[in-house]
Protein backbone atom coordinates (compact mmCIF):
# COMPACT_ATOMS: atom_id res chain seq x y z
CA MET A 1 159.27 -33.30 65.85
CA ARG A 2 161.98 -35.73 66.26
CA GLY A 3 162.59 -34.56 69.88
CA LEU A 4 158.67 -35.00 70.68
CA VAL A 5 158.99 -38.69 69.56
CA LEU A 6 162.28 -39.42 71.56
CA ALA A 7 160.51 -37.93 74.56
CA LEU A 8 157.46 -39.97 74.10
CA LEU A 9 159.83 -43.01 73.73
CA ILE A 10 161.69 -42.38 76.84
CA ALA A 11 158.58 -41.61 78.81
CA VAL A 12 156.78 -44.87 77.66
CA PRO A 13 157.81 -47.78 79.94
CA ALA A 14 159.73 -50.36 77.69
CA ALA A 15 157.21 -53.32 78.53
CA ALA A 16 154.65 -50.92 77.00
CA GLN A 17 156.64 -50.49 73.87
CA ASP A 18 156.96 -54.18 73.55
CA ALA A 19 153.29 -55.40 74.22
CA PRO A 20 152.03 -57.45 71.47
CA THR A 21 149.23 -55.99 69.32
CA LYS A 22 145.68 -57.37 69.40
CA ALA A 23 146.43 -58.90 65.75
CA GLN A 24 149.58 -60.54 67.17
CA GLY A 25 147.47 -61.76 70.38
CA LEU A 26 144.87 -63.31 68.04
CA ALA A 27 147.17 -64.80 65.93
CA ALA A 28 149.01 -66.26 68.91
CA TRP A 29 145.34 -67.56 70.04
CA ASP A 30 145.04 -69.40 66.83
CA ASP A 31 148.08 -71.36 67.60
CA VAL A 32 146.72 -72.16 71.23
CA TYR A 33 143.47 -73.19 69.84
CA SER A 34 145.15 -75.40 67.32
CA VAL A 35 146.25 -77.58 70.19
CA THR A 36 143.12 -77.12 72.35
CA SER A 37 140.92 -78.42 69.54
CA HIS A 38 143.37 -81.25 68.70
CA PRO A 39 141.93 -84.83 69.60
CA ARG A 40 144.90 -85.55 71.83
CA CYS A 41 143.36 -82.99 74.11
CA THR A 42 139.69 -82.71 73.40
CA ASN A 43 139.61 -86.76 73.83
CA CYS A 44 140.03 -85.93 77.52
CA HIS A 45 138.68 -82.60 77.97
CA VAL A 46 135.14 -83.98 77.48
CA GLY A 47 133.09 -82.00 80.33
CA GLU A 48 130.08 -83.17 82.45
CA GLY A 49 129.55 -86.58 80.68
CA GLY A 50 132.89 -87.84 81.85
CA ILE A 51 133.40 -90.29 78.89
CA PRO A 52 136.63 -89.68 77.14
CA MET A 53 136.95 -90.18 73.40
CA TRP A 54 139.19 -91.82 70.76
CA ASN A 55 138.19 -89.29 68.20
CA GLY A 56 140.72 -88.47 65.29
CA LEU A 57 143.50 -90.59 66.47
CA THR A 58 144.95 -94.06 65.01
CA TYR A 59 141.97 -96.21 66.04
CA GLY A 60 139.95 -95.80 62.99
CA ALA A 61 136.73 -93.86 62.93
CA ASP A 62 135.71 -91.51 65.73
CA ALA A 63 134.50 -93.37 68.64
CA VAL A 64 133.92 -93.48 72.45
CA HIS A 65 136.82 -94.65 74.58
CA GLY A 66 136.82 -98.34 74.68
CA MET A 67 135.60 -100.41 77.63
CA HIS A 68 132.75 -98.48 78.47
CA VAL A 69 134.77 -95.99 80.43
CA GLN A 70 133.15 -93.16 82.33
CA ALA A 71 135.24 -91.03 84.68
CA GLY A 72 132.26 -89.57 86.80
CA GLU A 73 132.29 -87.07 89.04
CA SER A 74 135.65 -88.28 90.56
CA ARG A 75 137.17 -87.53 87.03
CA VAL A 76 139.39 -90.83 87.66
CA GLY A 77 136.60 -93.66 87.04
CA ALA A 78 136.25 -94.36 90.75
CA GLU A 79 132.55 -95.00 90.28
CA THR A 80 132.94 -97.37 87.65
CA MET A 81 136.61 -98.37 86.33
CA PRO A 82 139.41 -96.13 87.37
CA CYS A 83 141.57 -94.95 84.83
CA ARG A 84 144.49 -96.44 86.39
CA THR A 85 143.06 -99.96 85.46
CA CYS A 86 145.06 -99.29 82.08
CA HIS A 87 146.70 -96.08 82.16
CA ILE A 88 149.82 -96.57 84.15
CA GLY A 89 150.87 -94.33 86.84
CA VAL A 90 154.83 -94.42 86.26
CA ALA A 91 157.45 -92.61 83.97
CA SER A 92 158.16 -94.32 80.95
CA ALA A 93 158.98 -93.47 77.35
CA ASN A 94 155.78 -95.10 75.69
CA ALA A 95 157.63 -96.77 73.07
CA THR A 96 155.53 -99.81 72.50
CA PRO A 97 152.72 -99.06 69.95
CA HIS A 98 149.02 -99.49 71.61
CA ALA A 99 150.55 -100.22 74.76
CA PRO A 100 148.66 -98.57 77.93
CA PRO A 101 149.80 -95.17 77.96
CA MET A 102 152.20 -94.30 80.88
CA ILE A 103 152.87 -90.88 82.81
CA ASP A 104 154.65 -90.27 86.29
CA ASP A 105 151.13 -88.97 87.83
CA ALA A 106 147.78 -90.67 88.41
CA TRP A 107 145.35 -90.56 85.45
CA ARG A 108 142.24 -88.27 85.51
CA LEU A 109 140.02 -86.38 83.25
CA PRO A 110 140.56 -82.67 83.37
CA PRO A 111 137.54 -80.76 85.58
CA ALA A 112 134.29 -80.68 83.67
CA GLU A 113 134.47 -76.88 83.34
CA LEU A 114 137.37 -77.39 81.04
CA ALA A 115 135.34 -78.97 78.40
CA TRP A 116 137.02 -78.40 74.98
CA LEU A 117 135.33 -81.44 72.97
CA GLY A 118 133.22 -79.66 70.18
CA LYS A 119 133.78 -76.10 71.70
CA SER A 120 134.44 -73.10 69.66
CA SER A 121 137.53 -71.06 69.39
CA ASP A 122 135.55 -68.29 71.07
CA TYR A 123 134.19 -70.58 73.52
CA VAL A 124 137.59 -71.84 74.64
CA CYS A 125 139.27 -68.40 74.45
CA ALA A 126 136.96 -66.97 76.86
CA GLN A 127 136.93 -69.87 78.99
CA LEU A 128 140.86 -69.98 79.19
CA ARG A 129 141.52 -66.34 80.15
CA ASP A 130 139.08 -66.55 83.06
CA PRO A 131 140.11 -68.16 86.31
CA GLU A 132 136.59 -68.64 86.99
CA THR A 133 136.58 -71.20 84.15
CA ASN A 134 139.97 -72.38 83.76
CA ASP A 135 140.67 -74.14 86.86
CA GLY A 136 141.77 -71.26 88.92
CA PHE A 137 144.82 -70.28 86.69
CA GLU A 138 145.94 -66.74 86.21
CA MET A 139 147.70 -66.56 82.76
CA ASP A 140 151.36 -66.89 84.27
CA GLU A 141 149.97 -69.85 86.39
CA LEU A 142 148.74 -71.35 83.45
CA ALA A 143 151.93 -71.21 81.52
CA VAL A 144 153.64 -72.79 84.66
CA HIS A 145 150.97 -75.82 84.29
CA LEU A 146 151.92 -76.28 80.76
CA GLU A 147 155.57 -76.27 81.68
CA THR A 148 155.09 -78.84 84.76
CA SER A 149 152.05 -81.30 84.01
CA ALA A 150 152.87 -84.63 83.57
CA PHE A 151 149.56 -85.03 81.47
CA VAL A 152 150.52 -81.96 79.11
CA ALA A 153 154.05 -83.29 78.42
CA TRP A 154 152.57 -86.73 77.64
CA GLY A 155 149.68 -84.93 75.27
CA PHE A 156 152.88 -83.37 73.08
CA ASP A 157 154.85 -86.49 73.28
CA PRO A 158 152.75 -89.47 73.89
CA GLY A 159 155.11 -91.99 71.91
CA ALA A 160 154.51 -95.23 70.14
CA GLY A 161 153.22 -93.46 66.90
CA ARG A 162 150.44 -91.46 68.63
CA SER A 163 149.15 -88.42 66.89
CA VAL A 164 150.34 -85.02 68.52
CA PRO A 165 148.96 -81.58 68.25
CA PRO A 166 150.23 -79.45 65.50
CA ILE A 167 152.85 -77.35 67.42
CA GLY A 168 155.15 -78.42 70.04
CA LEU A 169 155.08 -77.56 74.02
CA ASP A 170 157.64 -74.77 73.52
CA GLU A 171 155.81 -73.28 70.54
CA MET A 172 152.40 -73.84 72.83
CA ILE A 173 153.67 -71.81 75.95
CA THR A 174 155.25 -69.16 73.47
CA ALA A 175 152.14 -68.71 72.19
CA LEU A 176 150.15 -68.77 75.38
CA ASN A 177 152.47 -66.08 76.54
CA LEU A 178 152.28 -63.85 73.75
CA TRP A 179 148.23 -64.09 73.78
CA ALA A 180 148.48 -62.93 77.49
CA ALA A 181 150.98 -60.33 76.83
CA ALA A 182 148.30 -58.83 74.10
CA GLY A 183 145.74 -58.80 76.70
CA THR A 184 144.16 -62.12 75.90
CA PRO A 185 141.98 -61.17 73.02
CA CYS A 186 139.13 -63.29 71.69
CA ALA A 187 137.91 -62.87 68.31
CA ASN A 188 134.54 -62.04 69.14
CA ASP A 189 135.96 -59.14 71.61
CA PRO A 190 134.36 -55.56 70.84
């Protein structure tokens, strides 16, 4: 019997032996969703309406973003008031409380199909694993996006006493990669 087990271990590629289980993938997804459902993310991932929010942050009660901001179809506010009117496109430590946030990129809302505000774990899970609904990313590309996006980096380190997601960026990337390696399971999968 021992020889049979050893033969099977040799015959199965190492990657298959190390593949995380569905349960491990679902646990990793829970970490991913803890970020995608956090107000630091959902306040900009608002969908078709294009109206960013100030929910769950340090501004008091949940509210629509001030100054009657609406991103419109452009996702940068070109139809009304551009995001860059207040949000600054320059690298900065964002060290002054309540100052306009700054990143080394042009401020804009994510694509409308990436709405996370008020969406369930099952909804976002199905959305993120499908390139048709996640802005065209394969899982390895999505991990690279997390590693390289100025918006993502700012969301995990917005400075000036602003709230942050419950796990850090490195933990988020690790969770995303584990979820992907487990086959991107969602809780409602058969």
